[in-house]
Amino acid sequence: MLDGANEVIGSTLKYLGFSYNSDSDQELSAAKDTLLKFKPHVGHNRLRELQDLACKRRLAYSMGWNGDFAAILANTPAPPVQYVIPSEGSEILGSTPGRS
């Protein structure tokens, strides 16, 4: 999980089908509820730990920057990881039509 509030909340809003930049109290409340349900499944938010867990194949999913992914692939041997942009979109890519 990233340690950036804007990215985590924005991504959760996108996951729920809302604008990444929503300021709706109702939509932000829905994002908060979703994140609180997800909280018990969050392990680490430090790049060094992320790299270590990925290289030891002890990580199934992670939220991270594309640079984090590049750093993980720079290990020798590179772990079998895949960088994916969610179908719901992201901060810049894949916006829902008519929404930002």
PDB file of N, CA and C in Angstrom:
ATOM      1  N   MET A   1       0.847  -1.168   0.000  1.00  0.00           N
ATOM      2  CA  MET A   1       0.000   0.000   0.000  1.00  0.00           C
ATOM      3  C   MET A   1       0.890   1.227   0.000  1.00  0.00           C
ATOM      4  N   LEU A   2       0.585   2.162  -0.846  1.00  0.00           N
ATOM      5  CA  LEU A   2       1.330   3.415  -0.861  1.00  0.00           C
ATOM      6  C   LEU A   2       1.089   4.181   0.431  1.00  0.00           C
ATOM      7  N   ASP A   3       2.040   5.030   0.798  1.00  0.00           N
ATOM      8  CA  ASP A   3       1.865   5.848   1.995  1.00  0.00           C
ATOM      9  C   ASP A   3       1.399   7.259   1.650  1.00  0.00           C
ATOM     10  N   GLY A   4       0.839   7.441   0.453  1.00  0.00           N
ATOM     11  CA  GLY A   4       0.315   8.729   0.031  1.00  0.00           C
ATOM     12  C   GLY A   4      -1.203   8.757   0.106  1.00  0.00           C
ATOM     13  N   ALA A   5      -1.736   9.605   0.969  1.00  0.00           N
ATOM     14  CA  ALA A   5      -3.187   9.660   1.176  1.00  0.00           C
ATOM     15  C   ALA A   5      -3.932   9.984  -0.114  1.00  0.00           C
ATOM     16  N   ASN A   6      -3.430  10.930  -0.900  1.00  0.00           N
ATOM     17  CA  ASN A   6      -4.123  11.302  -2.141  1.00  0.00           C
ATOM     18  C   ASN A   6      -4.245  10.113  -3.079  1.00  0.00           C
ATOM     19  N   GLU A   7      -3.174   9.344  -3.225  1.00  0.00           N
ATOM     20  CA  GLU A   7      -3.177   8.209  -4.135  1.00  0.00           C
ATOM     21  C   GLU A   7      -4.072   7.079  -3.631  1.00  0.00           C
ATOM     22  N   VAL A   8      -4.018   6.808  -2.347  1.00  0.00           N
ATOM     23  CA  VAL A   8      -4.829   5.721  -1.782  1.00  0.00           C
ATOM     24  C   VAL A   8      -6.314   6.073  -1.855  1.00  0.00           C
ATOM     25  N   ILE A   9      -6.672   7.281  -1.448  1.00  0.00           N
ATOM     26  CA  ILE A   9      -8.079   7.690  -1.481  1.00  0.00           C
ATOM     27  C   ILE A   9      -8.553   7.811  -2.929  1.00  0.00           C
ATOM     28  N   GLY A  10      -7.747   8.434  -3.783  1.00  0.00           N
ATOM     29  CA  GLY A  10      -8.117   8.574  -5.191  1.00  0.00           C
ATOM     30  C   GLY A  10      -8.318   7.230  -5.870  1.00  0.00           C
ATOM     31  N   SER A  11      -7.418   6.289  -5.616  1.00  0.00           N
ATOM     32  CA  SER A  11      -7.545   4.957  -6.207  1.00  0.00           C
ATOM     33  C   SER A  11      -8.788   4.232  -5.702  1.00  0.00           C
ATOM     34  N   THR A  12      -9.103   4.431  -4.438  1.00  0.00           N
ATOM     35  CA  THR A  12     -10.306   3.806  -3.883  1.00  0.00           C
ATOM     36  C   THR A  12     -11.555   4.420  -4.502  1.00  0.00           C
ATOM     37  N   LEU A  13     -11.550   5.726  -4.691  1.00  0.00           N
ATOM     38  CA  LEU A  13     -12.676   6.385  -5.362  1.00  0.00           C
ATOM     39  C   LEU A  13     -12.852   5.813  -6.769  1.00  0.00           C
ATOM     40  N   LYS A  14     -11.748   5.637  -7.516  1.00  0.00           N
ATOM     41  CA  LYS A  14     -11.814   5.061  -8.866  1.00  0.00           C
ATOM     42  C   LYS A  14     -12.362   3.634  -8.800  1.00  0.00           C
ATOM     43  N   TYR A  15     -11.899   2.860  -7.842  1.00  0.00           N
ATOM     44  CA  TYR A  15     -12.370   1.488  -7.655  1.00  0.00           C
ATOM     45  C   TYR A  15     -13.895   1.452  -7.478  1.00  0.00           C
ATOM     46  N   LEU A  16     -14.412   2.441  -6.771  1.00  0.00           N
ATOM     47  CA  LEU A  16     -15.852   2.516  -6.516  1.00  0.00           C
ATOM     48  C   LEU A  16     -16.627   3.155  -7.668  1.00  0.00           C
ATOM     49  N   GLY A  17     -15.914   3.575  -8.726  1.00  0.00           N
ATOM     50  CA  GLY A  17     -16.576   4.150  -9.897  1.00  0.00           C
ATOM     51  C   GLY A  17     -16.762   5.652  -9.838  1.00  0.00           C
ATOM     52  N   PHE A  18     -16.074   6.316  -8.898  1.00  0.00           N
ATOM     53  CA  PHE A  18     -16.199   7.757  -8.746  1.00  0.00           C
ATOM     54  C   PHE A  18     -14.976   8.451  -9.354  1.00  0.00           C
ATOM     55  N   SER A  19     -15.026   9.764  -9.420  1.00  0.00           N
ATOM     56  CA  SER A  19     -13.894  10.544  -9.871  1.00  0.00           C
ATOM     57  C   SER A  19     -12.730  10.405  -8.890  1.00  0.00           C
ATOM     58  N   TYR A  20     -11.533  10.316  -9.414  1.00  0.00           N
ATOM     59  CA  TYR A  20     -10.320  10.255  -8.598  1.00  0.00           C
ATOM     60  C   TYR A  20     -10.230  11.477  -7.688  1.00  0.00           C
ATOM     61  N   ASN A  21     -10.780  12.593  -8.145  1.00  0.00           N
ATOM     62  CA  ASN A  21     -10.696  13.854  -7.413  1.00  0.00           C
ATOM     63  C   ASN A  21     -12.015  14.264  -6.757  1.00  0.00           C
ATOM     64  N   SER A  22     -12.875  13.313  -6.490  1.00  0.00           N
ATOM     65  CA  SER A  22     -14.184  13.624  -5.917  1.00  0.00           C
ATOM     66  C   SER A  22     -14.054  14.404  -4.607  1.00  0.00           C
ATOM     67  N   ASP A  23     -14.968  15.360  -4.410  1.00  0.00           N
ATOM     68  CA  ASP A  23     -15.055  16.052  -3.132  1.00  0.00           C
ATOM     69  C   ASP A  23     -16.441  15.863  -2.510  1.00  0.00           C
ATOM     70  N   SER A  24     -17.171  14.878  -3.032  1.00  0.00           N
ATOM     71  CA  SER A  24     -18.495  14.556  -2.515  1.00  0.00           C
ATOM     72  C   SER A  24     -18.366  13.859  -1.160  1.00  0.00           C
ATOM     73  N   ASP A  25     -19.055  14.388  -0.160  1.00  0.00           N
ATOM     74  CA  ASP A  25     -19.026  13.773   1.171  1.00  0.00           C
ATOM     75  C   ASP A  25     -19.479  12.316   1.119  1.00  0.00           C
ATOM     76  N   GLN A  26     -20.511  12.029   0.348  1.00  0.00           N
ATOM     77  CA  GLN A  26     -21.045  10.671   0.247  1.00  0.00           C
ATOM     78  C   GLN A  26     -20.017   9.732  -0.397  1.00  0.00           C
ATOM     79  N   GLU A  27     -19.370  10.167  -1.472  1.00  0.00           N
ATOM     80  CA  GLU A  27     -18.385   9.337  -2.159  1.00  0.00           C
ATOM     81  C   GLU A  27     -17.129   9.148  -1.304  1.00  0.00           C
ATOM     82  N   LEU A  28     -16.693  10.205  -0.622  1.00  0.00           N
ATOM     83  CA  LEU A  28     -15.536  10.084   0.258  1.00  0.00           C
ATOM     84  C   LEU A  28     -15.832   9.176   1.443  1.00  0.00           C
ATOM     85  N   SER A  29     -17.050   9.210   1.931  1.00  0.00           N
ATOM     86  CA  SER A  29     -17.457   8.325   3.019  1.00  0.00           C
ATOM     87  C   SER A  29     -17.445   6.864   2.562  1.00  0.00           C
ATOM     88  N   ALA A  30     -17.906   6.622   1.337  1.00  0.00           N
ATOM     89  CA  ALA A  30     -17.874   5.267   0.779  1.00  0.00           C
ATOM     90  C   ALA A  30     -16.431   4.788   0.639  1.00  0.00           C
ATOM     91  N   ALA A  31     -15.528   5.678   0.210  1.00  0.00           N
ATOM     92  CA  ALA A  31     -14.113   5.319   0.092  1.00  0.00           C
ATOM     93  C   ALA A  31     -13.529   4.995   1.463  1.00  0.00           C
ATOM     94  N   LYS A  32     -13.862   5.801   2.456  1.00  0.00           N
ATOM     95  CA  LYS A  32     -13.374   5.556   3.817  1.00  0.00           C
ATOM     96  C   LYS A  32     -13.833   4.194   4.316  1.00  0.00           C
ATOM     97  N   ASP A  33     -15.118   3.880   4.125  1.00  0.00           N
ATOM     98  CA  ASP A  33     -15.656   2.593   4.567  1.00  0.00           C
ATOM     99  C   ASP A  33     -14.928   1.433   3.878  1.00  0.00           C
ATOM    100  N   THR A  34     -14.670   1.578   2.586  1.00  0.00           N
ATOM    101  CA  THR A  34     -13.968   0.533   1.833  1.00  0.00           C
ATOM    102  C   THR A  34     -12.556   0.355   2.372  1.00  0.00           C
ATOM    103  N   LEU A  35     -11.855   1.459   2.613  1.00  0.00           N
ATOM    104  CA  LEU A  35     -10.487   1.373   3.118  1.00  0.00           C
ATOM    105  C   LEU A  35     -10.432   0.765   4.521  1.00  0.00           C
ATOM    106  N   LEU A  36     -11.395   1.086   5.355  1.00  0.00           N
ATOM    107  CA  LEU A  36     -11.414   0.505   6.703  1.00  0.00           C
ATOM    108  C   LEU A  36     -11.635  -1.005   6.651  1.00  0.00           C
ATOM    109  N   LYS A  37     -12.434  -1.489   5.703  1.00  0.00           N
ATOM    110  CA  LYS A  37     -12.629  -2.936   5.528  1.00  0.00           C
ATOM    111  C   LYS A  37     -11.350  -3.600   5.027  1.00  0.00           C
ATOM    112  N   PHE A  38     -10.581  -2.874   4.228  1.00  0.00           N
ATOM    113  CA  PHE A  38      -9.357  -3.395   3.637  1.00  0.00           C
ATOM    114  C   PHE A  38      -8.172  -3.343   4.606  1.00  0.00           C
ATOM    115  N   LYS A  39      -8.225  -2.471   5.584  1.00  0.00           N
ATOM    116  CA  LYS A  39      -7.099  -2.203   6.486  1.00  0.00           C
ATOM    117  C   LYS A  39      -6.465  -3.460   7.090  1.00  0.00           C
ATOM    118  N   PRO A  40      -7.227  -4.454   7.541  1.00  0.00           N
ATOM    119  CA  PRO A  40      -6.590  -5.637   8.132  1.00  0.00           C
ATOM    120  C   PRO A  40      -5.698  -6.420   7.154  1.00  0.00           C
ATOM    121  N   HIS A  41      -5.841  -6.157   5.874  1.00  0.00           N
ATOM    122  CA  HIS A  41      -5.074  -6.890   4.865  1.00  0.00           C
ATOM    123  C   HIS A  41      -3.819  -6.146   4.416  1.00  0.00           C
ATOM    124  N   VAL A  42      -3.571  -4.973   4.996  1.00  0.00           N
ATOM    125  CA  VAL A  42      -2.416  -4.164   4.614  1.00  0.00           C
ATOM    126  C   VAL A  42      -1.222  -4.577   5.462  1.00  0.00           C
ATOM    127  N   GLY A  43      -0.103  -4.826   4.774  1.00  0.00           N
ATOM    128  CA  GLY A  43       1.079  -5.274   5.491  1.00  0.00           C
ATOM    129  C   GLY A  43       2.152  -4.214   5.620  1.00  0.00           C
ATOM    130  N   HIS A  44       2.685  -3.760   4.496  1.00  0.00           N
ATOM    131  CA  HIS A  44       3.837  -2.867   4.506  1.00  0.00           C
ATOM    132  C   HIS A  44       3.593  -1.685   3.583  1.00  0.00           C
ATOM    133  N   ASN A  45       4.333  -0.620   3.841  1.00  0.00           N
ATOM    134  CA  ASN A  45       4.262   0.517   2.924  1.00  0.00           C
ATOM    135  C   ASN A  45       5.629   1.137   2.682  1.00  0.00           C
ATOM    136  N   ARG A  46       6.673   0.376   2.871  1.00  0.00           N
ATOM    137  CA  ARG A  46       8.019   0.881   2.619  1.00  0.00           C
ATOM    138  C   ARG A  46       8.622   0.154   1.432  1.00  0.00           C
ATOM    139  N   LEU A  47       9.255   0.898   0.536  1.00  0.00           N
ATOM    140  CA  LEU A  47       9.805   0.331  -0.691  1.00  0.00           C
ATOM    141  C   LEU A  47      10.789  -0.792  -0.407  1.00  0.00           C
ATOM    142  N   ARG A  48      11.678  -0.618   0.550  1.00  0.00           N
ATOM    143  CA  ARG A  48      12.670  -1.660   0.838  1.00  0.00           C
ATOM    144  C   ARG A  48      11.973  -2.966   1.237  1.00  0.00           C
ATOM    145  N   GLU A  49      10.947  -2.883   2.070  1.00  0.00           N
ATOM    146  CA  GLU A  49      10.204  -4.075   2.464  1.00  0.00           C
ATOM    147  C   GLU A  49       9.468  -4.672   1.271  1.00  0.00           C
ATOM    148  N   LEU A  50       8.908  -3.817   0.426  1.00  0.00           N
ATOM    149  CA  LEU A  50       8.214  -4.279  -0.771  1.00  0.00           C
ATOM    150  C   LEU A  50       9.168  -5.056  -1.673  1.00  0.00           C
ATOM    151  N   GLN A  51      10.353  -4.512  -1.899  1.00  0.00           N
ATOM    152  CA  GLN A  51      11.343  -5.193  -2.731  1.00  0.00           C
ATOM    153  C   GLN A  51      11.731  -6.534  -2.129  1.00  0.00           C
ATOM    154  N   ASP A  52      11.989  -6.550  -0.836  1.00  0.00           N
ATOM    155  CA  ASP A  52      12.400  -7.778  -0.159  1.00  0.00           C
ATOM    156  C   ASP A  52      11.321  -8.848  -0.260  1.00  0.00           C
ATOM    157  N   LEU A  53      10.076  -8.469   0.015  1.00  0.00           N
ATOM    158  CA  LEU A  53       8.975  -9.437  -0.045  1.00  0.00           C
ATOM    159  C   LEU A  53       8.755  -9.941  -1.462  1.00  0.00           C
ATOM    160  N   ALA A  54       8.856  -9.076  -2.454  1.00  0.00           N
ATOM    161  CA  ALA A  54       8.669  -9.491  -3.843  1.00  0.00           C
ATOM    162  C   ALA A  54       9.779 -10.453  -4.267  1.00  0.00           C
ATOM    163  N   CYS A  55      11.004 -10.145  -3.902  1.00  0.00           N
ATOM    164  CA  CYS A  55      12.127 -10.999  -4.287  1.00  0.00           C
ATOM    165  C   CYS A  55      12.069 -12.361  -3.591  1.00  0.00           C
ATOM    166  N   LYS A  56      11.512 -12.398  -2.401  1.00  0.00           N
ATOM    167  CA  LYS A  56      11.368 -13.664  -1.670  1.00  0.00           C
ATOM    168  C   LYS A  56      10.065 -14.373  -2.028  1.00  0.00           C
ATOM    169  N   ARG A  57       9.308 -13.779  -2.961  1.00  0.00           N
ATOM    170  CA  ARG A  57       8.031 -14.339  -3.425  1.00  0.00           C
ATOM    171  C   ARG A  57       7.045 -14.520  -2.268  1.00  0.00           C
ATOM    172  N   ARG A  58       7.018 -13.543  -1.372  1.00  0.00           N
ATOM    173  CA  ARG A  58       6.106 -13.578  -0.226  1.00  0.00           C
ATOM    174  C   ARG A  58       5.059 -12.480  -0.324  1.00  0.00           C
ATOM    175  N   LEU A  59       4.808 -12.022  -1.540  1.00  0.00           N
ATOM    176  CA  LEU A  59       3.896 -10.917  -1.771  1.00  0.00           C
ATOM    177  C   LEU A  59       2.994 -11.277  -2.936  1.00  0.00           C
ATOM    178  N   ALA A  60       1.692 -11.224  -2.719  1.00  0.00           N
ATOM    179  CA  ALA A  60       0.766 -11.558  -3.804  1.00  0.00           C
ATOM    180  C   ALA A  60       0.347 -10.317  -4.585  1.00  0.00           C
ATOM    181  N   TYR A  61       0.045  -9.231  -3.889  1.00  0.00           N
ATOM    182  CA  TYR A  61      -0.406  -7.993  -4.521  1.00  0.00           C
ATOM    183  C   TYR A  61       0.222  -6.811  -3.804  1.00  0.00           C
ATOM    184  N   SER A  62       0.399  -5.742  -4.542  1.00  0.00           N
ATOM    185  CA  SER A  62       0.950  -4.535  -3.946  1.00  0.00           C
ATOM    186  C   SER A  62       0.475  -3.322  -4.716  1.00  0.00           C
ATOM    187  N   MET A  63       0.343  -2.221  -4.011  1.00  0.00           N
ATOM    188  CA  MET A  63       0.083  -0.931  -4.637  1.00  0.00           C
ATOM    189  C   MET A  63       1.409  -0.194  -4.615  1.00  0.00           C
ATOM    190  N   GLY A  64       1.831   0.297  -5.760  1.00  0.00           N
ATOM    191  CA  GLY A  64       3.115   0.980  -5.776  1.00  0.00           C
ATOM    192  C   GLY A  64       3.277   1.848  -7.001  1.00  0.00           C
ATOM    193  N   TRP A  65       4.345   2.619  -6.994  1.00  0.00           N
ATOM    194  CA  TRP A  65       4.683   3.462  -8.129  1.00  0.00           C
ATOM    195  C   TRP A  65       5.360   2.617  -9.200  1.00  0.00           C
ATOM    196  N   ASN A  66       5.298   3.076 -10.441  1.00  0.00           N
ATOM    197  CA  ASN A  66       5.972   2.333 -11.497  1.00  0.00           C
ATOM    198  C   ASN A  66       7.474   2.248 -11.231  1.00  0.00           C
ATOM    199  N   GLY A  67       8.040   3.225 -10.554  1.00  0.00           N
ATOM    200  CA  GLY A  67       9.458   3.182 -10.193  1.00  0.00           C
ATOM    201  C   GLY A  67       9.757   2.092  -9.178  1.00  0.00           C
ATOM    202  N   ASP A  68       8.801   1.813  -8.270  1.00  0.00           N
ATOM    203  CA  ASP A  68       8.960   0.702  -7.332  1.00  0.00           C
ATOM    204  C   ASP A  68       9.082  -0.598  -8.103  1.00  0.00           C
ATOM    205  N   PHE A  69       8.223  -0.747  -9.093  1.00  0.00           N
ATOM    206  CA  PHE A  69       8.214  -1.948  -9.924  1.00  0.00           C
ATOM    207  C   PHE A  69       9.537  -2.084 -10.669  1.00  0.00           C
ATOM    208  N   ALA A  70      10.030  -0.987 -11.219  1.00  0.00           N
ATOM    209  CA  ALA A  70      11.310  -1.012 -11.941  1.00  0.00           C
ATOM    210  C   ALA A  70      12.443  -1.409 -11.001  1.00  0.00           C
ATOM    211  N   ALA A  71      12.410  -0.911  -9.770  1.00  0.00           N
ATOM    212  CA  ALA A  71      13.445  -1.254  -8.794  1.00  0.00           C
ATOM    213  C   ALA A  71      13.404  -2.740  -8.452  1.00  0.00           C
ATOM    214  N   ILE A  72      12.220  -3.297  -8.350  1.00  0.00           N
ATOM    215  CA  ILE A  72      12.088  -4.723  -8.064  1.00  0.00           C
ATOM    216  C   ILE A  72      12.635  -5.550  -9.223  1.00  0.00           C
ATOM    217  N   LEU A  73      12.324  -5.146 -10.449  1.00  0.00           N
ATOM    218  CA  LEU A  73      12.819  -5.868 -11.626  1.00  0.00           C
ATOM    219  C   LEU A  73      14.328  -5.743 -11.801  1.00  0.00           C
ATOM    220  N   ALA A  74      14.939  -4.751 -11.160  1.00  0.00           N
ATOM    221  CA  ALA A  74      16.385  -4.568 -11.270  1.00  0.00           C
ATOM    222  C   ALA A  74      17.166  -5.591 -10.452  1.00  0.00           C
ATOM    223  N   ASN A  75      16.483  -6.338  -9.595  1.00  0.00           N
ATOM    224  CA  ASN A  75      17.143  -7.366  -8.804  1.00  0.00           C
ATOM    225  C   ASN A  75      17.584  -8.513  -9.708  1.00  0.00           C
ATOM    226  N   THR A  76      18.663  -9.194  -9.299  1.00  0.00           N
ATOM    227  CA  THR A  76      19.150 -10.351 -10.042  1.00  0.00           C
ATOM    228  C   THR A  76      19.104 -11.557  -9.123  1.00  0.00           C
ATOM    229  N   PRO A  77      18.358 -12.573  -9.464  1.00  0.00           N
ATOM    230  CA  PRO A  77      17.437 -12.611 -10.600  1.00  0.00           C
ATOM    231  C   PRO A  77      16.172 -11.808 -10.290  1.00  0.00           C
ATOM    232  N   ALA A  78      15.563 -11.310 -11.321  1.00  0.00           N
ATOM    233  CA  ALA A  78      14.320 -10.535 -11.162  1.00  0.00           C
ATOM    234  C   ALA A  78      13.191 -11.477 -10.762  1.00  0.00           C
ATOM    235  N   PRO A  79      12.403 -11.097  -9.763  1.00  0.00           N
ATOM    236  CA  PRO A  79      11.272 -11.944  -9.377  1.00  0.00           C
ATOM    237  C   PRO A  79      10.185 -11.910 -10.452  1.00  0.00           C
ATOM    238  N   PRO A  80       9.347 -12.932 -10.488  1.00  0.00           N
ATOM    239  CA  PRO A  80       8.267 -12.969 -11.491  1.00  0.00           C
ATOM    240  C   PRO A  80       7.112 -12.056 -11.084  1.00  0.00           C
ATOM    241  N   VAL A  81       7.255 -10.770 -11.358  1.00  0.00           N
ATOM    242  CA  VAL A  81       6.220  -9.795 -11.004  1.00  0.00           C
ATOM    243  C   VAL A  81       5.625  -9.190 -12.264  1.00  0.00           C
ATOM    244  N   GLN A  82       4.448  -8.633 -12.108  1.00  0.00           N
ATOM    245  CA  GLN A  82       3.762  -7.996 -13.230  1.00  0.00           C
ATOM    246  C   GLN A  82       3.177  -6.676 -12.748  1.00  0.00           C
ATOM    247  N   TYR A  83       3.412  -5.603 -13.511  1.00  0.00           N
ATOM    248  CA  TYR A  83       2.879  -4.282 -13.202  1.00  0.00           C
ATOM    249  C   TYR A  83       1.551  -4.133 -13.935  1.00  0.00           C
ATOM    250  N   VAL A  84       0.499  -3.792 -13.216  1.00  0.00           N
ATOM    251  CA  VAL A  84      -0.841  -3.703 -13.794  1.00  0.00           C
ATOM    252  C   VAL A  84      -1.482  -2.382 -13.396  1.00  0.00           C
ATOM    253  N   ILE A  85      -2.107  -1.726 -14.361  1.00  0.00           N
ATOM    254  CA  ILE A  85      -2.932  -0.557 -14.071  1.00  0.00           C
ATOM    255  C   ILE A  85      -4.366  -1.068 -13.973  1.00  0.00           C
ATOM    256  N   PRO A  86      -5.060  -0.795 -12.872  1.00  0.00           N
ATOM    257  CA  PRO A  86      -6.418  -1.320 -12.688  1.00  0.00           C
ATOM    258  C   PRO A  86      -7.353  -0.935 -13.834  1.00  0.00           C
ATOM    259  N   SER A  87      -8.283  -1.816 -14.147  1.00  0.00           N
ATOM    260  CA  SER A  87      -9.243  -1.534 -15.226  1.00  0.00           C
ATOM    261  C   SER A  87     -10.088  -0.307 -14.914  1.00  0.00           C
ATOM    262  N   GLU A  88     -10.241   0.028 -13.630  1.00  0.00           N
ATOM    263  CA  GLU A  88     -11.006   1.213 -13.238  1.00  0.00           C
ATOM    264  C   GLU A  88     -10.268   2.502 -13.571  1.00  0.00           C
ATOM    265  N   GLY A  89      -8.962   2.387 -13.805  1.00  0.00           N
ATOM    266  CA  GLY A  89      -8.153   3.554 -14.106  1.00  0.00           C
ATOM    267  C   GLY A  89      -7.197   3.878 -12.974  1.00  0.00           C
ATOM    268  N   SER A  90      -6.480   4.964 -13.146  1.00  0.00           N
ATOM    269  CA  SER A  90      -5.517   5.403 -12.144  1.00  0.00           C
ATOM    270  C   SER A  90      -5.535   6.928 -12.088  1.00  0.00           C
ATOM    271  N   GLU A  91      -4.549   7.477 -11.425  1.00  0.00           N
ATOM    272  CA  GLU A  91      -4.477   8.931 -11.270  1.00  0.00           C
ATOM    273  C   GLU A  91      -4.463   9.637 -12.629  1.00  0.00           C
ATOM    274  N   ILE A  92      -3.760   9.071 -13.587  1.00  0.00           N
ATOM    275  CA  ILE A  92      -3.624   9.712 -14.891  1.00  0.00           C
ATOM    276  C   ILE A  92      -4.278   8.892 -15.998  1.00  0.00           C
ATOM    277  N   LEU A  93      -4.118   7.602 -15.955  1.00  0.00           N
ATOM    278  CA  LEU A  93      -4.565   6.741 -17.061  1.00  0.00           C
ATOM    279  C   LEU A  93      -5.924   6.102 -16.795  1.00  0.00           C
ATOM    280  N   GLY A  94      -6.656   5.916 -17.863  1.00  0.00           N
ATOM    281  CA  GLY A  94      -7.873   5.116 -17.807  1.00  0.00           C
ATOM    282  C   GLY A  94      -9.025   5.743 -17.072  1.00  0.00           C
ATOM    283  N   SER A  95      -9.184   7.034 -17.178  1.00  0.00           N
ATOM    284  CA  SER A  95     -10.290   7.699 -16.494  1.00  0.00           C
ATOM    285  C   SER A  95     -11.635   7.206 -17.018  1.00  0.00           C
ATOM    286  N   THR A  96     -12.600   7.157 -16.123  1.00  0.00           N
ATOM    287  CA  THR A  96     -13.953   6.812 -16.516  1.00  0.00           C
ATOM    288  C   THR A  96     -14.486   7.908 -17.425  1.00  0.00           C
ATOM    289  N   PRO A  97     -15.081   7.565 -18.583  1.00  0.00           N
ATOM    290  CA  PRO A  97     -15.595   8.602 -19.480  1.00  0.00           C
ATOM    291  C   PRO A  97     -16.509   9.580 -18.741  1.00  0.00           C
ATOM    292  N   GLY A  98     -16.261  10.861 -18.975  1.00  0.00           N
ATOM    293  CA  GLY A  98     -17.095  11.895 -18.358  1.00  0.00           C
ATOM    294  C   GLY A  98     -16.686  12.256 -16.949  1.00  0.00           C
ATOM    295  N   ARG A  99     -15.638  11.586 -16.439  1.00  0.00           N
ATOM    296  CA  ARG A  99     -15.181  11.876 -15.084  1.00  0.00           C
ATOM    297  C   ARG A  99     -13.682  12.149 -15.128  1.00  0.00           C
ATOM    298  N   SER A 100     -13.189  12.813 -14.101  1.00  0.00           N
ATOM    299  CA  SER A 100     -11.741  13.077 -14.036  1.00  0.00           C
ATOM    300  C   SER A 100     -11.119  12.327 -12.888  1.00  0.00           C
TER     301      SER A 100
END
